[in-house]
Every structure is written in C-alpha cells, then in structure tokens.
Amino acid sequence: MAGKSTDLRPVIKLKSTAGTGYTYVTRKNRRNDPERLVLRKYDPIVRRHVEFKEER
C-alpha cells in the first residue's frame, strides 16, 4: 500500500486569502497539479468570492 505522503490524490485544505480563516477541504491530483492550488471560491463570512490558496 502507498503511504499518505505518496498518495496520488491527497486531501488538501484551501484557506481564504480574505483573512477570515474560512477553509474548504478537497482532493487534488498531484500528477496534473504539482504546484500549490489557487481557486476562486465563495467565502460566506465576507459574502463574496475570493481566492483560496492551498495550505500544507
């Protein structure tokens, strides 16, 4: 069995750049996206779409 660190689709946390501390939890494919993920998603605390960056 593969270990957690070598998993092809690891679970990652996406943290809001608005400073609210709101997070999303998702999975990503390391083969297609080897660098850190940045997505625009909805932050319900500030009630608008902001960038969410992958934290490790």
PDB file of N, CA and C in Angstrom:
ATOM      1  N   MET A   1       0.825  -1.191   0.000  1.00  0.00           N
ATOM      2  CA  MET A   1       0.000   0.000   0.000  1.00  0.00           C
ATOM      3  C   MET A   1       0.870   1.256   0.000  1.00  0.00           C
ATOM      4  N   ALA A   2       0.408   2.255  -0.700  1.00  0.00           N
ATOM      5  CA  ALA A   2       1.139   3.520  -0.736  1.00  0.00           C
ATOM      6  C   ALA A   2       0.919   4.292   0.558  1.00  0.00           C
ATOM      7  N   GLY A   3       1.945   5.028   0.968  1.00  0.00           N
ATOM      8  CA  GLY A   3       1.837   5.831   2.172  1.00  0.00           C
ATOM      9  C   GLY A   3       1.064   7.119   1.916  1.00  0.00           C
ATOM     10  N   LYS A   4       0.730   7.817   2.977  1.00  0.00           N
ATOM     11  CA  LYS A   4      -0.033   9.065   2.855  1.00  0.00           C
ATOM     12  C   LYS A   4       0.722  10.123   2.049  1.00  0.00           C
ATOM     13  N   SER A   5       2.034  10.202   2.205  1.00  0.00           N
ATOM     14  CA  SER A   5       2.796  11.247   1.523  1.00  0.00           C
ATOM     15  C   SER A   5       2.940  10.984   0.028  1.00  0.00           C
ATOM     16  N   THR A   6       2.818   9.737  -0.400  1.00  0.00           N
ATOM     17  CA  THR A   6       2.956   9.418  -1.816  1.00  0.00           C
ATOM     18  C   THR A   6       1.610   9.184  -2.483  1.00  0.00           C
ATOM     19  N   ASP A   7       0.531   9.512  -1.820  1.00  0.00           N
ATOM     20  CA  ASP A   7      -0.811   9.327  -2.360  1.00  0.00           C
ATOM     21  C   ASP A   7      -0.987  10.195  -3.608  1.00  0.00           C
ATOM     22  N   LEU A   8      -1.579   9.649  -4.671  1.00  0.00           N
ATOM     23  CA  LEU A   8      -1.744  10.389  -5.923  1.00  0.00           C
ATOM     24  C   LEU A   8      -2.779  11.504  -5.787  1.00  0.00           C
ATOM     25  N   ARG A   9      -3.821  11.295  -4.965  1.00  0.00           N
ATOM     26  CA  ARG A   9      -4.863  12.305  -4.773  1.00  0.00           C
ATOM     27  C   ARG A   9      -4.994  12.638  -3.289  1.00  0.00           C
ATOM     28  N   PRO A  10      -4.072  13.457  -2.750  1.00  0.00           N
ATOM     29  CA  PRO A  10      -4.115  13.764  -1.318  1.00  0.00           C
ATOM     30  C   PRO A  10      -5.236  14.747  -0.968  1.00  0.00           C
ATOM     31  N   VAL A  11      -5.670  14.718   0.283  1.00  0.00           N
ATOM     32  CA  VAL A  11      -6.639  15.678   0.795  1.00  0.00           C
ATOM     33  C   VAL A  11      -5.887  16.952   1.146  1.00  0.00           C
ATOM     34  N   ILE A  12      -6.384  18.101   0.678  1.00  0.00           N
ATOM     35  CA  ILE A  12      -5.737  19.388   0.949  1.00  0.00           C
ATOM     36  C   ILE A  12      -6.752  20.357   1.534  1.00  0.00           C
ATOM     37  N   LYS A  13      -6.244  21.376   2.237  1.00  0.00           N
ATOM     38  CA  LYS A  13      -7.079  22.451   2.766  1.00  0.00           C
ATOM     39  C   LYS A  13      -6.856  23.688   1.922  1.00  0.00           C
ATOM     40  N   LEU A  14      -7.950  24.371   1.572  1.00  0.00           N
ATOM     41  CA  LEU A  14      -7.876  25.645   0.870  1.00  0.00           C
ATOM     42  C   LEU A  14      -8.281  26.724   1.861  1.00  0.00           C
ATOM     43  N   LYS A  15      -7.386  27.679   2.140  1.00  0.00           N
ATOM     44  CA  LYS A  15      -7.640  28.721   3.134  1.00  0.00           C
ATOM     45  C   LYS A  15      -7.901  30.052   2.449  1.00  0.00           C
ATOM     46  N   SER A  16      -8.886  30.791   2.952  1.00  0.00           N
ATOM     47  CA  SER A  16      -9.280  32.071   2.376  1.00  0.00           C
ATOM     48  C   SER A  16      -8.176  33.109   2.512  1.00  0.00           C
ATOM     49  N   THR A  17      -7.979  33.906   1.439  1.00  0.00           N
ATOM     50  CA  THR A  17      -6.997  34.982   1.479  1.00  0.00           C
ATOM     51  C   THR A  17      -7.613  36.259   2.035  1.00  0.00           C
ATOM     52  N   ALA A  18      -8.914  36.241   2.368  1.00  0.00           N
ATOM     53  CA  ALA A  18      -9.581  37.422   2.921  1.00  0.00           C
ATOM     54  C   ALA A  18      -9.283  37.586   4.407  1.00  0.00           C
ATOM     55  N   GLY A  19      -8.589  36.615   5.006  1.00  0.00           N
ATOM     56  CA  GLY A  19      -8.225  36.722   6.407  1.00  0.00           C
ATOM     57  C   GLY A  19      -9.311  36.298   7.372  1.00  0.00           C
ATOM     58  N   THR A  20     -10.331  35.596   6.879  1.00  0.00           N
ATOM     59  CA  THR A  20     -11.436  35.186   7.745  1.00  0.00           C
ATOM     60  C   THR A  20     -11.163  33.857   8.440  1.00  0.00           C
ATOM     61  N   GLY A  21     -10.221  33.084   7.913  1.00  0.00           N
ATOM     62  CA  GLY A  21      -9.939  31.775   8.492  1.00  0.00           C
ATOM     63  C   GLY A  21     -10.835  30.678   7.956  1.00  0.00           C
ATOM     64  N   TYR A  22     -11.706  30.996   7.001  1.00  0.00           N
ATOM     65  CA  TYR A  22     -12.607  30.007   6.417  1.00  0.00           C
ATOM     66  C   TYR A  22     -11.826  29.073   5.501  1.00  0.00           C
ATOM     67  N   THR A  23     -12.127  27.765   5.551  1.00  0.00           N
ATOM     68  CA  THR A  23     -11.412  26.784   4.737  1.00  0.00           C
ATOM     69  C   THR A  23     -12.370  25.870   3.996  1.00  0.00           C
ATOM     70  N   TYR A  24     -11.905  25.371   2.870  1.00  0.00           N
ATOM     71  CA  TYR A  24     -12.554  24.284   2.147  1.00  0.00           C
ATOM     72  C   TYR A  24     -11.604  23.102   2.192  1.00  0.00           C
ATOM     73  N   VAL A  25     -12.146  21.885   2.161  1.00  0.00           N
ATOM     74  CA  VAL A  25     -11.330  20.676   2.110  1.00  0.00           C
ATOM     75  C   VAL A  25     -11.660  19.975   0.805  1.00  0.00           C
ATOM     76  N   THR A  26     -10.624  19.622   0.038  1.00  0.00           N
ATOM     77  CA  THR A  26     -10.825  18.967  -1.252  1.00  0.00           C
ATOM     78  C   THR A  26      -9.661  18.031  -1.529  1.00  0.00           C
ATOM     79  N   ARG A  27      -9.704  17.371  -2.680  1.00  0.00           N
ATOM     80  CA  ARG A  27      -8.623  16.498  -3.103  1.00  0.00           C
ATOM     81  C   ARG A  27      -8.046  17.061  -4.399  1.00  0.00           C
ATOM     82  N   LYS A  28      -6.761  16.789  -4.644  1.00  0.00           N
ATOM     83  CA  LYS A  28      -6.178  17.224  -5.906  1.00  0.00           C
ATOM     84  C   LYS A  28      -5.310  16.107  -6.472  1.00  0.00           C
ATOM     85  N   ASN A  29      -5.120  16.150  -7.770  1.00  0.00           N
ATOM     86  CA  ASN A  29      -4.284  15.176  -8.450  1.00  0.00           C
ATOM     87  C   ASN A  29      -2.881  15.746  -8.536  1.00  0.00           C
ATOM     88  N   ARG A  30      -1.931  15.106  -7.879  1.00  0.00           N
ATOM     89  CA  ARG A  30      -0.545  15.601  -7.867  1.00  0.00           C
ATOM     90  C   ARG A  30       0.113  15.544  -9.238  1.00  0.00           C
ATOM     91  N   ARG A  31      -0.300  14.610 -10.050  1.00  0.00           N
ATOM     92  CA  ARG A  31       0.316  14.476 -11.378  1.00  0.00           C
ATOM     93  C   ARG A  31      -0.073  15.645 -12.283  1.00  0.00           C
ATOM     94  N   ASN A  32      -1.327  16.112 -12.206  1.00  0.00           N
ATOM     95  CA  ASN A  32      -1.785  17.218 -13.057  1.00  0.00           C
ATOM     96  C   ASN A  32      -1.488  18.586 -12.451  1.00  0.00           C
ATOM     97  N   ASP A  33      -1.481  18.694 -11.116  1.00  0.00           N
ATOM     98  CA  ASP A  33      -1.265  19.968 -10.418  1.00  0.00           C
ATOM     99  C   ASP A  33      -0.184  19.823  -9.367  1.00  0.00           C
ATOM    100  N   PRO A  34       1.095  19.772  -9.764  1.00  0.00           N
ATOM    101  CA  PRO A  34       2.152  19.572  -8.764  1.00  0.00           C
ATOM    102  C   PRO A  34       2.394  20.795  -7.869  1.00  0.00           C
ATOM    103  N   GLU A  35       2.106  22.015  -8.371  1.00  0.00           N
ATOM    104  CA  GLU A  35       2.308  23.197  -7.542  1.00  0.00           C
ATOM    105  C   GLU A  35       1.065  23.431  -6.666  1.00  0.00           C
ATOM    106  N   ARG A  36       1.165  24.421  -5.791  1.00  0.00           N
ATOM    107  CA  ARG A  36       0.053  24.702  -4.882  1.00  0.00           C
ATOM    108  C   ARG A  36      -1.146  25.244  -5.636  1.00  0.00           C
ATOM    109  N   LEU A  37      -2.321  24.799  -5.229  1.00  0.00           N
ATOM    110  CA  LEU A  37      -3.567  25.126  -5.899  1.00  0.00           C
ATOM    111  C   LEU A  37      -4.095  26.474  -5.419  1.00  0.00           C
ATOM    112  N   VAL A  38      -4.640  27.288  -6.348  1.00  0.00           N
ATOM    113  CA  VAL A  38      -5.301  28.553  -6.018  1.00  0.00           C
ATOM    114  C   VAL A  38      -6.619  28.564  -6.771  1.00  0.00           C
ATOM    115  N   LEU A  39      -7.740  28.682  -6.047  1.00  0.00           N
ATOM    116  CA  LEU A  39      -9.072  28.687  -6.651  1.00  0.00           C
ATOM    117  C   LEU A  39      -9.871  29.873  -6.133  1.00  0.00           C
ATOM    118  N   ARG A  40     -10.760  30.410  -6.976  1.00  0.00           N
ATOM    119  CA  ARG A  40     -11.700  31.435  -6.524  1.00  0.00           C
ATOM    120  C   ARG A  40     -12.970  30.735  -6.087  1.00  0.00           C
ATOM    121  N   LYS A  41     -13.287  30.858  -4.790  1.00  0.00           N
ATOM    122  CA  LYS A  41     -14.477  30.227  -4.238  1.00  0.00           C
ATOM    123  C   LYS A  41     -15.200  31.220  -3.341  1.00  0.00           C
ATOM    124  N   TYR A  42     -16.407  30.855  -2.917  1.00  0.00           N
ATOM    125  CA  TYR A  42     -17.247  31.729  -2.110  1.00  0.00           C
ATOM    126  C   TYR A  42     -16.848  31.664  -0.639  1.00  0.00           C
ATOM    127  N   ASP A  43     -16.648  32.819  -0.023  1.00  0.00           N
ATOM    128  CA  ASP A  43     -16.380  32.917   1.410  1.00  0.00           C
ATOM    129  C   ASP A  43     -17.636  33.485   2.062  1.00  0.00           C
ATOM    130  N   PRO A  44     -18.383  32.669   2.821  1.00  0.00           N
ATOM    131  CA  PRO A  44     -19.652  33.134   3.390  1.00  0.00           C
ATOM    132  C   PRO A  44     -19.497  34.183   4.486  1.00  0.00           C
ATOM    133  N   ILE A  45     -18.318  34.322   5.058  1.00  0.00           N
ATOM    134  CA  ILE A  45     -18.117  35.313   6.117  1.00  0.00           C
ATOM    135  C   ILE A  45     -18.078  36.726   5.537  1.00  0.00           C
ATOM    136  N   VAL A  46     -17.370  36.907   4.418  1.00  0.00           N
ATOM    137  CA  VAL A  46     -17.346  38.218   3.750  1.00  0.00           C
ATOM    138  C   VAL A  46     -18.403  38.314   2.656  1.00  0.00           C
ATOM    139  N   ARG A  47     -19.105  37.232   2.388  1.00  0.00           N
ATOM    140  CA  ARG A  47     -20.203  37.133   1.426  1.00  0.00           C
ATOM    141  C   ARG A  47     -19.817  37.550   0.016  1.00  0.00           C
ATOM    142  N   ARG A  48     -18.665  37.023  -0.450  1.00  0.00           N
ATOM    143  CA  ARG A  48     -18.264  37.219  -1.835  1.00  0.00           C
ATOM    144  C   ARG A  48     -17.209  36.178  -2.207  1.00  0.00           C
ATOM    145  N   HIS A  49     -16.881  36.115  -3.495  1.00  0.00           N
ATOM    146  CA  HIS A  49     -15.875  35.192  -3.984  1.00  0.00           C
ATOM    147  C   HIS A  49     -14.485  35.790  -3.775  1.00  0.00           C
ATOM    148  N   VAL A  50     -13.587  34.992  -3.224  1.00  0.00           N
ATOM    149  CA  VAL A  50     -12.202  35.412  -3.006  1.00  0.00           C
ATOM    150  C   VAL A  50     -11.296  34.250  -3.393  1.00  0.00           C
ATOM    151  N   GLU A  51      -9.997  34.506  -3.459  1.00  0.00           N
ATOM    152  CA  GLU A  51      -9.056  33.432  -3.762  1.00  0.00           C
ATOM    153  C   GLU A  51      -8.806  32.589  -2.520  1.00  0.00           C
ATOM    154  N   PHE A  52      -8.745  31.295  -2.730  1.00  0.00           N
ATOM    155  CA  PHE A  52      -8.392  30.350  -1.675  1.00  0.00           C
ATOM    156  C   PHE A  52      -7.107  29.677  -2.096  1.00  0.00           C
ATOM    157  N   LYS A  53      -6.113  29.647  -1.207  1.00  0.00           N
ATOM    158  CA  LYS A  53      -4.823  29.052  -1.519  1.00  0.00           C
ATOM    159  C   LYS A  53      -4.611  27.779  -0.718  1.00  0.00           C
ATOM    160  N   GLU A  54      -3.921  26.845  -1.320  1.00  0.00           N
ATOM    161  CA  GLU A  54      -3.628  25.573  -0.661  1.00  0.00           C
ATOM    162  C   GLU A  54      -2.642  25.788   0.480  1.00  0.00           C
ATOM    163  N   GLU A  55      -2.962  25.219   1.620  1.00  0.00           N
ATOM    164  CA  GLU A  55      -2.015  25.236   2.743  1.00  0.00           C
ATOM    165  C   GLU A  55      -1.643  23.814   3.057  1.00  0.00           C
ATOM    166  N   ARG A  56      -0.417  23.634   3.585  1.00  0.00           N
ATOM    167  CA  ARG A  56       0.049  22.278   3.864  1.00  0.00           C
ATOM    168  C   ARG A  56       0.296  22.089   5.336  1.00  0.00           C
TER     169      ARG A  56
END
